[in-house]
Amino acid sequence: MAQNVLNAVTPEQLRRDRENKTRVDEAGDTIDLAVAPLEYGFIEDKDMLWSKVVWEVIDLNERINQPYYLSGDELVQNSKSLYDVLVDGIRDKKITEVYDDEFFLNKMNYEQIMARNEKKDTQQFYFDMIQAGETPDEGAIFNYKVKSADIKMLKTKGLWYIDRRLGELRYRLLGLAIMGPDAQSLGTEFADEGGYIDLFWIWYPDARKTLAEYKVFNPSNSTSAITYDELLNARRFNSVIYKAQTTFGAKEIGDYIPKDSKGQMEEHHRIRNSIIQTESDMWNY
């Protein structure tokens, strides 16, 4: 059975074998090839000595973050962008915990996401043809759609905590948001203003199994085996904290440090350093 391009006789065989999640060995036993995410384990409240919820934004234009944005050629390197993986999982109902807000209150389905990501626009002669009793020409309708290449930002919501049993600082990813341009602005003079909105939020534990099935694009090694779930749980990305639990409450930094980019970045570093320092202080008596 060909699992890589070097062993494949034809491209069709390669694609077929990659989709097959089982393999029969020489003894006739069926081997399950499906990748399962590493289980987190149960954490009791008493085992968390300290915790803080932090919201971060990931800029996919940064070089270290581009593996989340890029796709492979689906032959030598069988990989998809993070956006495509999530949307396909939602469409196939493998991911069901999808929401329109960071508090995970209002659920969304695939049709609602597509309605938010698409826009149809019509020209004046479309209405002229209707009034004349004619069938509107397809050229009178413009379809705009947010594509994978348009996704340039991600958001994460996670919990930093100190595990009493392990005696160390740990991180648990709770939510993941896809940010893209407002589809209603596409095709207008406002399309290039650079504004991004939250297209949808994923309750991350529900998406782990799907994300564990897809390898991440790696331009340095086409046979890289790291998955999206492993990459995200290992925090292999560069991010900026835009919101955290502080003495001001769970407020965005821009709300209490407005119109000061330098001050907001300093607050980001202050919050991040305070999290790291918390673990160090645990061992000081």
Protein backbone atom coordinates (compact mmCIF):
# COMPACT_ATOMS: atom_id res chain seq x y z
CA MET A 1 0.00 0.00 0.00
CA ALA A 2 1.48 3.33 -1.06
CA GLN A 3 1.39 5.93 1.72
CA ASN A 4 3.87 8.32 0.11
CA VAL A 5 4.66 9.56 -3.37
CA LEU A 6 7.78 7.36 -3.69
CA ASN A 7 5.79 4.14 -3.36
CA ALA A 8 2.83 5.18 -5.51
CA VAL A 9 2.32 3.63 -8.94
CA THR A 10 -0.23 6.27 -9.98
CA PRO A 11 -1.47 9.56 -8.46
CA GLU A 12 -4.94 8.02 -8.14
CA GLN A 13 -3.53 5.14 -6.08
CA LEU A 14 -1.69 7.58 -3.82
CA ARG A 15 -4.83 9.61 -3.14
CA ARG A 16 -6.91 6.48 -2.60
CA ASP A 17 -4.43 4.99 -0.12
CA ARG A 18 -4.17 8.25 1.81
CA GLU A 19 -7.93 8.33 2.23
CA ASN A 20 -7.94 4.73 3.45
CA LYS A 21 -7.65 4.74 7.25
CA THR A 22 -6.87 1.00 7.57
CA ARG A 23 -4.18 -1.37 6.29
CA VAL A 24 -3.91 -5.15 6.18
CA ASP A 25 -0.48 -6.47 7.19
CA GLU A 26 1.25 -9.66 6.02
CA ALA A 27 -0.48 -11.71 8.73
CA GLY A 28 -3.88 -10.59 7.52
CA ASP A 29 -4.57 -8.35 10.51
CA THR A 30 -6.25 -5.00 9.94
CA ILE A 31 -4.27 -2.06 11.29
CA ASP A 32 -6.00 1.22 12.07
CA LEU A 33 -4.06 4.11 10.52
CA ALA A 34 -6.27 6.89 11.85
CA VAL A 35 -4.37 9.39 14.00
CA ALA A 36 -5.91 10.13 17.40
CA PRO A 37 -4.99 13.25 19.37
CA LEU A 38 -3.13 12.79 22.63
CA GLU A 39 -5.66 12.85 25.44
CA TYR A 40 -5.42 15.75 27.87
CA GLY A 41 -6.43 13.94 31.01
CA PHE A 42 -8.83 15.11 33.70
CA ILE A 43 -7.82 18.10 35.86
CA GLU A 44 -9.57 18.72 39.16
CA ASP A 45 -10.13 22.25 40.43
CA LYS A 46 -7.98 21.61 43.48
CA ASP A 47 -5.03 20.75 41.24
CA MET A 48 -5.00 24.23 39.68
CA LEU A 49 -3.01 26.45 42.05
CA TRP A 50 -3.34 29.44 39.75
CA SER A 51 -4.95 30.21 36.39
CA LYS A 52 -5.46 33.06 33.92
CA VAL A 53 -7.50 33.24 30.72
CA VAL A 54 -5.68 34.93 27.84
CA TRP A 55 -6.86 35.95 24.37
CA GLU A 56 -4.23 36.24 21.61
CA VAL A 57 -4.14 37.21 17.95
CA ILE A 58 -1.93 35.40 15.42
CA ASP A 59 -0.80 37.30 12.34
CA LEU A 60 -0.41 34.82 9.49
CA ASN A 61 1.77 37.28 7.58
CA GLU A 62 4.59 36.53 10.02
CA ARG A 63 6.93 33.90 8.69
CA ILE A 64 6.73 31.60 11.72
CA ASN A 65 2.92 31.55 11.42
CA GLN A 66 2.68 30.84 7.70
CA PRO A 67 2.31 27.03 8.06
CA TYR A 68 -1.26 27.72 9.27
CA TYR A 69 -1.93 29.70 6.11
CA LEU A 70 -0.24 27.66 3.38
CA SER A 71 -1.37 24.49 1.62
CA GLY A 72 0.64 21.74 0.00
CA ASP A 73 0.25 20.46 -3.54
CA GLU A 74 -2.04 17.61 -2.34
CA LEU A 75 0.35 15.08 -3.91
CA VAL A 76 3.92 15.23 -2.59
CA GLN A 77 2.80 17.16 0.47
CA ASN A 78 -0.79 16.39 1.38
CA SER A 79 -1.74 19.40 3.48
CA LYS A 80 -4.48 22.02 3.69
CA SER A 81 -4.62 25.44 5.26
CA LEU A 82 -6.10 25.59 8.77
CA TYR A 83 -9.13 27.46 7.42
CA ASP A 84 -9.88 24.78 4.82
CA VAL A 85 -9.48 21.99 7.39
CA LEU A 86 -11.94 23.62 9.77
CA VAL A 87 -14.50 24.52 7.10
CA ASP A 88 -14.37 21.01 5.61
CA GLY A 89 -14.78 19.53 9.09
CA ILE A 90 -17.82 21.72 9.76
CA ARG A 91 -19.33 20.85 6.37
CA ASP A 92 -18.87 17.11 7.02
CA LYS A 93 -20.29 17.52 10.56
CA LYS A 94 -17.07 16.27 12.13
CA ILE A 95 -16.85 19.60 13.98
CA THR A 96 -20.12 20.67 15.55
CA GLU A 97 -19.15 23.05 18.36
CA VAL A 98 -19.02 26.20 16.20
CA TYR A 99 -20.06 29.61 17.53
CA ASP A 100 -20.19 33.24 16.46
CA ASP A 101 -18.65 34.63 19.66
CA GLU A 102 -15.75 34.03 22.03
CA PHE A 103 -18.10 33.10 24.87
CA PHE A 104 -19.49 30.11 22.92
CA LEU A 105 -23.13 31.05 23.36
CA ASN A 106 -24.61 31.26 19.85
CA LYS A 107 -24.00 28.18 17.72
CA MET A 108 -23.49 28.32 13.96
CA ASN A 109 -23.82 25.71 11.22
CA TYR A 110 -22.10 25.37 7.86
CA GLU A 111 -24.82 27.22 5.95
CA GLN A 112 -24.62 30.20 8.32
CA ILE A 113 -20.84 30.35 7.97
CA MET A 114 -21.07 30.28 4.18
CA ALA A 115 -23.74 32.99 4.26
CA ARG A 116 -21.36 35.16 6.28
CA ASN A 117 -18.45 34.40 3.95
CA GLU A 118 -20.24 35.03 0.67
CA LYS A 119 -21.88 37.97 -1.06
CA LYS A 120 -23.87 38.31 -4.26
CA ASP A 121 -24.02 41.66 -5.99
CA THR A 122 -26.08 42.69 -8.98
CA GLN A 123 -25.68 45.39 -11.60
CA GLN A 124 -28.40 47.77 -12.73
CA PHE A 125 -29.00 45.96 -16.01
CA TYR A 126 -29.98 42.88 -13.93
CA PHE A 127 -33.06 44.76 -12.74
CA ASP A 128 -33.59 46.26 -16.20
CA MET A 129 -33.80 42.75 -17.68
CA ILE A 130 -36.29 41.65 -15.02
CA GLN A 131 -38.49 44.67 -15.68
CA ALA A 132 -38.35 43.90 -19.39
CA GLY A 133 -39.53 40.34 -18.71
CA GLU A 134 -36.22 38.84 -19.81
CA THR A 135 -34.15 36.19 -18.06
CA PRO A 136 -31.27 37.92 -16.25
CA ASP A 137 -27.87 37.30 -17.73
CA GLU A 138 -25.38 35.49 -15.45
CA GLY A 139 -22.91 38.28 -16.07
CA ALA A 140 -25.21 40.63 -14.17
CA ILE A 141 -24.56 38.74 -10.92
CA PHE A 142 -21.19 38.96 -9.18
CA ASN A 143 -20.36 36.32 -6.56
CA TYR A 144 -17.81 37.31 -3.92
CA LYS A 145 -16.48 34.68 -1.51
CA VAL A 146 -13.94 34.75 1.32
CA LYS A 147 -11.30 32.20 0.32
CA SER A 148 -8.45 30.57 2.19
CA ALA A 149 -6.00 33.11 0.75
CA ASP A 150 -8.02 35.92 2.37
CA ILE A 151 -7.56 34.55 5.91
CA LYS A 152 -4.66 36.47 7.44
CA MET A 153 -5.47 36.43 11.17
CA LEU A 154 -6.37 33.91 13.87
CA LYS A 155 -7.48 34.35 17.45
CA THR A 156 -6.99 31.99 20.35
CA LYS A 157 -8.56 31.79 23.79
CA GLY A 158 -6.66 29.70 26.28
CA LEU A 159 -6.03 29.05 29.94
CA TRP A 160 -2.64 29.25 31.59
CA TYR A 161 -2.56 27.32 34.85
CA ILE A 162 -0.15 25.81 37.36
CA ASP A 163 -0.67 22.09 37.82
CA ARG A 164 -0.15 21.21 41.48
CA ARG A 165 0.62 17.56 40.76
CA LEU A 166 3.24 18.32 38.10
CA GLY A 167 4.46 21.52 39.72
CA GLU A 168 4.71 23.38 36.44
CA LEU A 169 3.01 25.97 34.27
CA ARG A 170 0.73 24.48 31.61
CA TYR A 171 -1.43 25.84 28.78
CA ARG A 172 -4.77 24.56 27.52
CA LEU A 173 -6.25 25.92 24.29
CA LEU A 174 -10.01 26.48 24.65
CA GLY A 175 -11.11 28.33 21.55
CA LEU A 176 -9.90 29.18 18.06
CA ALA A 177 -11.29 31.90 15.78
CA ILE A 178 -10.85 32.47 12.07
CA MET A 179 -10.59 36.12 11.05
CA GLY A 180 -11.16 37.36 7.54
CA PRO A 181 -12.47 40.33 5.57
CA ASP A 182 -16.12 41.26 5.82
CA ALA A 183 -17.70 39.66 2.75
CA GLN A 184 -20.10 42.59 2.46
CA SER A 185 -17.18 44.91 1.75
CA LEU A 186 -15.81 42.81 -1.13
CA GLY A 187 -16.17 44.49 -4.49
CA THR A 188 -16.52 47.95 -2.92
CA GLU A 189 -14.14 50.82 -2.27
CA PHE A 190 -13.87 49.61 1.36
CA ALA A 191 -12.45 46.20 0.46
CA ASP A 192 -8.80 47.24 0.86
CA GLU A 193 -9.09 49.05 4.17
CA GLY A 194 -7.64 46.06 6.00
CA GLY A 195 -10.43 45.41 8.47
CA TYR A 196 -10.98 41.85 9.68
CA ILE A 197 -13.89 40.33 11.56
CA ASP A 198 -14.40 37.07 13.45
CA LEU A 199 -15.93 34.70 10.92
CA PHE A 200 -16.54 31.96 13.49
CA TRP A 201 -15.20 30.49 16.75
CA ILE A 202 -14.39 26.82 17.33
CA TRP A 203 -14.57 25.12 20.73
CA TYR A 204 -11.10 23.63 20.35
CA PRO A 205 -11.51 20.26 22.14
CA ASP A 206 -14.25 19.37 19.64
CA ALA A 207 -11.94 20.02 16.68
CA ARG A 208 -8.89 18.11 17.91
CA LYS A 209 -9.70 14.80 16.23
CA THR A 210 -10.16 16.50 12.85
CA LEU A 211 -7.03 18.63 13.23
CA ALA A 212 -5.01 15.54 14.16
CA GLU A 213 -5.78 14.02 10.76
CA TYR A 214 -4.04 16.77 8.77
CA LYS A 215 -0.34 17.41 8.43
CA VAL A 216 1.03 20.94 8.46
CA PHE A 217 2.70 22.45 5.42
CA ASN A 218 6.47 22.38 5.90
CA PRO A 219 8.56 23.94 3.10
CA SER A 220 11.75 22.52 4.66
CA ASN A 221 10.62 18.88 4.82
CA SER A 222 7.83 17.51 2.65
CA THR A 223 7.56 14.37 4.81
CA SER A 224 7.02 16.27 8.06
CA ALA A 225 4.55 14.40 10.24
CA ILE A 226 3.46 17.14 12.65
CA THR A 227 -0.28 17.76 12.73
CA TYR A 228 -2.28 20.92 13.34
CA ASP A 229 -3.31 19.65 16.77
CA GLU A 230 0.29 19.05 17.79
CA LEU A 231 1.40 22.40 16.41
CA LEU A 232 -1.29 24.37 18.26
CA ASN A 233 -0.93 22.51 21.55
CA ALA A 234 2.82 23.06 21.44
CA ARG A 235 2.16 26.79 20.89
CA ARG A 236 4.41 26.87 17.84
CA PHE A 237 3.25 30.29 16.73
CA ASN A 238 3.98 33.91 17.44
CA SER A 239 1.11 35.88 18.93
CA VAL A 240 0.18 39.12 20.64
CA ILE A 241 -2.04 39.23 23.73
CA TYR A 242 -4.97 41.55 23.12
CA LYS A 243 -7.10 40.60 26.12
CA ALA A 244 -6.55 38.94 29.50
CA GLN A 245 -7.90 38.64 33.00
CA THR A 246 -6.32 41.58 34.82
CA THR A 247 -7.15 44.00 37.62
CA PHE A 248 -9.25 45.83 35.02
CA GLY A 249 -11.31 42.67 34.45
CA ALA A 250 -11.41 40.68 31.21
CA LYS A 251 -11.09 43.72 28.96
CA GLU A 252 -9.26 44.28 25.71
CA ILE A 253 -5.99 46.11 26.12
CA GLY A 254 -7.14 48.67 23.57
CA ASP A 255 -10.02 49.61 25.86
CA TYR A 256 -7.89 50.72 28.81
CA ILE A 257 -4.83 51.78 26.77
CA PRO A 258 -6.51 53.45 23.78
CA LYS A 259 -4.73 54.95 20.76
CA ASP A 260 -1.27 53.94 21.98
CA SER A 261 0.25 51.08 20.00
CA LYS A 262 3.52 51.18 21.92
CA GLY A 263 1.72 51.15 25.26
CA GLN A 264 -0.48 48.24 24.12
CA MET A 265 2.58 46.24 23.11
CA GLU A 266 4.23 46.99 26.44
CA GLU A 267 1.09 45.73 28.19
CA HIS A 268 1.27 42.56 26.10
CA HIS A 269 4.84 41.96 27.28
CA ARG A 270 3.91 42.81 30.88
CA ILE A 271 1.10 40.24 30.92
CA ARG A 272 3.25 37.57 29.26
CA ASN A 273 6.15 38.17 31.65
CA SER A 274 3.82 38.08 34.65
CA ILE A 275 2.59 34.63 33.57
CA ILE A 276 6.14 33.32 33.29
CA GLN A 277 7.13 34.95 36.58
CA THR A 278 4.21 33.26 38.36
CA GLU A 279 5.81 29.84 37.81
CA SER A 280 9.18 31.14 39.01
CA ASP A 281 7.62 32.63 42.15
CA MET A 282 6.09 29.27 42.99
CA TRP A 283 9.56 27.93 43.83
CA ASN A 284 10.63 30.93 45.92
CA TYR A 285 10.11 30.68 49.66
